[in-house]
N, C-alpha and C. Protein backbone atom coordinates (compact mmCIF):
# COMPACT_ATOMS: atom_id res chain seq x y z
N MET A 1 3.03 18.09 3.44
CA MET A 1 3.57 17.07 2.56
C MET A 1 2.40 16.26 2.01
N PRO A 2 2.38 16.03 0.71
CA PRO A 2 1.32 15.21 0.12
C PRO A 2 1.41 13.75 0.59
N LYS A 3 0.26 13.16 0.77
CA LYS A 3 0.16 11.74 1.08
C LYS A 3 -0.67 11.10 -0.02
N VAL A 4 -0.21 9.97 -0.51
CA VAL A 4 -0.92 9.23 -1.55
C VAL A 4 -1.40 7.93 -0.91
N PHE A 5 -2.69 7.65 -1.05
CA PHE A 5 -3.30 6.46 -0.47
C PHE A 5 -3.67 5.48 -1.57
N PHE A 6 -3.39 4.19 -1.32
CA PHE A 6 -3.78 3.12 -2.23
C PHE A 6 -4.64 2.14 -1.45
N SER A 7 -5.79 1.79 -1.99
CA SER A 7 -6.68 0.81 -1.35
C SER A 7 -6.57 -0.50 -2.12
N TYR A 8 -6.50 -1.59 -1.38
CA TYR A 8 -6.38 -2.92 -1.98
C TYR A 8 -7.53 -3.79 -1.50
N TYR A 9 -8.25 -4.35 -2.45
CA TYR A 9 -9.37 -5.25 -2.17
C TYR A 9 -8.97 -6.64 -2.68
N LEU A 10 -8.83 -7.59 -1.78
CA LEU A 10 -8.39 -8.92 -2.16
C LEU A 10 -9.56 -9.76 -2.66
N ARG A 11 -9.32 -10.56 -3.66
CA ARG A 11 -10.35 -11.49 -4.16
C ARG A 11 -10.57 -12.62 -3.16
N ASP A 12 -9.49 -13.03 -2.50
CA ASP A 12 -9.55 -14.14 -1.56
C ASP A 12 -8.92 -13.69 -0.24
N ALA A 13 -9.75 -13.54 0.77
CA ALA A 13 -9.27 -13.05 2.07
C ALA A 13 -8.23 -13.99 2.69
N ASP A 14 -8.25 -15.26 2.27
CA ASP A 14 -7.27 -16.22 2.80
C ASP A 14 -5.85 -15.92 2.33
N GLN A 15 -5.70 -15.06 1.34
CA GLN A 15 -4.39 -14.72 0.79
C GLN A 15 -3.80 -13.45 1.44
N ALA A 16 -4.41 -12.96 2.49
CA ALA A 16 -3.99 -11.68 3.09
C ALA A 16 -2.54 -11.70 3.57
N ASP A 17 -2.14 -12.77 4.23
CA ASP A 17 -0.75 -12.83 4.73
C ASP A 17 0.25 -12.85 3.59
N GLU A 18 -0.06 -13.62 2.54
CA GLU A 18 0.82 -13.68 1.37
C GLU A 18 0.90 -12.31 0.68
N PHE A 19 -0.25 -11.63 0.59
CA PHE A 19 -0.29 -10.30 -0.01
C PHE A 19 0.59 -9.33 0.79
N ALA A 20 0.42 -9.33 2.11
CA ALA A 20 1.18 -8.41 2.96
C ALA A 20 2.68 -8.68 2.84
N THR A 21 3.06 -9.94 2.82
CA THR A 21 4.48 -10.30 2.68
C THR A 21 5.04 -9.78 1.36
N ARG A 22 4.30 -10.00 0.28
CA ARG A 22 4.77 -9.53 -1.04
C ARG A 22 4.89 -8.01 -1.06
N MET A 23 3.93 -7.33 -0.50
CA MET A 23 3.97 -5.86 -0.46
C MET A 23 5.21 -5.37 0.29
N LEU A 24 5.50 -6.01 1.42
CA LEU A 24 6.63 -5.57 2.23
C LEU A 24 7.97 -5.97 1.64
N GLU A 25 8.01 -7.06 0.87
CA GLU A 25 9.26 -7.52 0.27
C GLU A 25 9.54 -6.89 -1.09
N VAL A 26 8.50 -6.54 -1.83
CA VAL A 26 8.68 -6.05 -3.20
C VAL A 26 8.32 -4.58 -3.34
N VAL A 27 7.13 -4.22 -2.92
CA VAL A 27 6.63 -2.86 -3.17
C VAL A 27 7.30 -1.84 -2.24
N GLU A 28 7.40 -2.15 -0.96
CA GLU A 28 7.98 -1.18 -0.01
C GLU A 28 9.40 -0.79 -0.39
N PRO A 29 10.30 -1.73 -0.70
CA PRO A 29 11.65 -1.32 -1.09
C PRO A 29 11.66 -0.48 -2.38
N ALA A 30 10.81 -0.85 -3.33
CA ALA A 30 10.75 -0.08 -4.58
C ALA A 30 10.21 1.33 -4.33
N ALA A 31 9.18 1.43 -3.51
CA ALA A 31 8.62 2.75 -3.21
C ALA A 31 9.63 3.59 -2.43
N SER A 32 10.27 2.99 -1.45
CA SER A 32 11.24 3.73 -0.63
C SER A 32 12.46 4.16 -1.43
N ALA A 33 12.76 3.47 -2.52
CA ALA A 33 13.90 3.83 -3.36
C ALA A 33 13.61 5.06 -4.21
N GLU A 34 12.35 5.41 -4.35
CA GLU A 34 11.99 6.61 -5.11
C GLU A 34 12.49 7.84 -4.38
N GLU A 35 13.15 8.72 -5.09
CA GLU A 35 13.71 9.93 -4.49
C GLU A 35 12.64 10.81 -3.85
N ALA A 36 11.45 10.83 -4.43
CA ALA A 36 10.39 11.71 -3.95
C ALA A 36 9.57 11.10 -2.82
N VAL A 37 9.85 9.86 -2.43
CA VAL A 37 9.09 9.20 -1.36
C VAL A 37 9.89 9.24 -0.07
N LEU A 38 9.30 9.86 0.96
CA LEU A 38 9.96 9.92 2.27
C LEU A 38 9.56 8.76 3.17
N GLY A 39 8.39 8.20 2.94
CA GLY A 39 7.94 7.10 3.77
C GLY A 39 6.83 6.33 3.09
N TRP A 40 6.70 5.06 3.48
CA TRP A 40 5.67 4.19 2.91
C TRP A 40 5.26 3.22 4.00
N THR A 41 3.95 3.08 4.22
CA THR A 41 3.45 2.14 5.22
C THR A 41 2.27 1.36 4.65
N LEU A 42 2.09 0.16 5.17
CA LEU A 42 0.98 -0.70 4.79
C LEU A 42 0.14 -0.93 6.04
N HIS A 43 -1.16 -0.78 5.89
CA HIS A 43 -2.10 -0.96 7.00
C HIS A 43 -3.14 -2.00 6.61
N ARG A 44 -3.41 -2.90 7.51
CA ARG A 44 -4.45 -3.91 7.29
C ARG A 44 -5.73 -3.45 7.98
N SER A 45 -6.83 -3.49 7.25
CA SER A 45 -8.12 -3.09 7.82
C SER A 45 -8.60 -4.13 8.82
N LEU A 46 -9.26 -3.66 9.84
CA LEU A 46 -9.80 -4.54 10.87
C LEU A 46 -11.31 -4.33 10.97
N ASP A 47 -12.01 -5.38 11.38
CA ASP A 47 -13.43 -5.25 11.64
C ASP A 47 -13.62 -4.44 12.91
N TRP A 48 -14.62 -3.59 12.91
CA TRP A 48 -14.96 -2.86 14.12
C TRP A 48 -16.46 -2.60 14.10
N PRO A 49 -17.08 -2.53 15.25
CA PRO A 49 -18.53 -2.35 15.33
C PRO A 49 -18.98 -1.12 14.55
N GLY A 50 -19.95 -1.29 13.67
CA GLY A 50 -20.47 -0.18 12.88
C GLY A 50 -19.69 0.08 11.62
N GLY A 51 -18.58 -0.65 11.41
CA GLY A 51 -17.76 -0.46 10.22
C GLY A 51 -18.41 -1.10 9.00
N SER A 52 -17.99 -0.67 7.85
CA SER A 52 -18.52 -1.17 6.59
C SER A 52 -17.89 -2.50 6.21
N ASP A 53 -18.69 -3.37 5.62
CA ASP A 53 -18.16 -4.62 5.09
C ASP A 53 -17.48 -4.40 3.74
N ASP A 54 -17.66 -3.23 3.16
CA ASP A 54 -17.11 -2.91 1.84
C ASP A 54 -15.76 -2.18 1.92
N ARG A 55 -15.10 -2.26 3.04
CA ARG A 55 -13.83 -1.55 3.22
C ARG A 55 -12.71 -2.28 2.48
N ALA A 56 -11.66 -1.55 2.23
CA ALA A 56 -10.47 -2.16 1.62
C ALA A 56 -9.84 -3.12 2.62
N ASP A 57 -9.20 -4.17 2.10
CA ASP A 57 -8.50 -5.12 2.97
C ASP A 57 -7.20 -4.53 3.48
N PHE A 58 -6.53 -3.76 2.63
CA PHE A 58 -5.28 -3.10 2.99
C PHE A 58 -5.29 -1.68 2.42
N VAL A 59 -4.55 -0.80 3.07
CA VAL A 59 -4.33 0.56 2.56
C VAL A 59 -2.84 0.85 2.74
N SER A 60 -2.22 1.36 1.69
CA SER A 60 -0.84 1.81 1.83
C SER A 60 -0.82 3.32 1.68
N VAL A 61 0.12 3.94 2.39
CA VAL A 61 0.24 5.38 2.39
C VAL A 61 1.68 5.74 2.04
N ALA A 62 1.84 6.62 1.06
CA ALA A 62 3.16 7.10 0.67
C ALA A 62 3.25 8.59 0.97
N ASP A 63 4.28 8.99 1.69
CA ASP A 63 4.58 10.41 1.92
C ASP A 63 5.47 10.86 0.78
N VAL A 64 4.96 11.77 -0.04
CA VAL A 64 5.64 12.17 -1.27
C VAL A 64 6.06 13.64 -1.17
N THR A 65 7.32 13.91 -1.44
CA THR A 65 7.82 15.28 -1.32
C THR A 65 7.46 16.13 -2.54
N ASP A 66 7.45 15.53 -3.70
CA ASP A 66 7.20 16.28 -4.94
C ASP A 66 6.38 15.42 -5.89
N LEU A 67 5.09 15.70 -5.98
CA LEU A 67 4.20 14.88 -6.81
C LEU A 67 4.60 14.90 -8.29
N ARG A 68 5.23 15.97 -8.74
CA ARG A 68 5.64 16.04 -10.15
C ARG A 68 6.76 15.06 -10.47
N ARG A 69 7.61 14.76 -9.48
CA ARG A 69 8.74 13.85 -9.70
C ARG A 69 8.42 12.41 -9.32
N TRP A 70 7.34 12.21 -8.59
CA TRP A 70 6.98 10.89 -8.12
C TRP A 70 6.31 10.08 -9.22
N ARG A 71 6.54 8.78 -9.21
CA ARG A 71 5.87 7.91 -10.17
C ARG A 71 5.31 6.72 -9.41
N THR A 72 4.26 6.13 -9.93
CA THR A 72 3.68 4.96 -9.30
C THR A 72 4.60 3.77 -9.51
N VAL A 73 4.85 3.04 -8.45
CA VAL A 73 5.72 1.87 -8.49
C VAL A 73 4.92 0.69 -9.01
N ARG A 74 5.42 0.05 -10.05
CA ARG A 74 4.79 -1.13 -10.60
C ARG A 74 5.80 -2.27 -10.55
N PRO A 75 5.73 -3.07 -9.48
CA PRO A 75 6.72 -4.14 -9.36
C PRO A 75 6.55 -5.18 -10.46
N THR A 76 7.63 -5.82 -10.81
CA THR A 76 7.56 -6.88 -11.81
C THR A 76 7.06 -8.15 -11.18
N ALA A 77 6.42 -8.97 -11.95
CA ALA A 77 5.93 -10.26 -11.44
C ALA A 77 7.11 -11.17 -11.16
N SER A 78 6.97 -11.98 -10.12
CA SER A 78 8.06 -12.91 -9.81
C SER A 78 7.59 -14.33 -9.92
């Protein structure tokens, strides 16, 4: 099954909780409503010894059954 990864780099790290909340309240339901999406998860990057400082703040992963039928979810501004 194809997996689609999205990396998110925040301008302000202090907004991480607000970003995660918005993703889970707006993007996750929209992504999960897509017929071709079987699953969607959001992961927050953590510091670890030897890790890069240039890593994404968040990564979301979508399990997509048919890439031809899948479309990128673009939530509306609220």
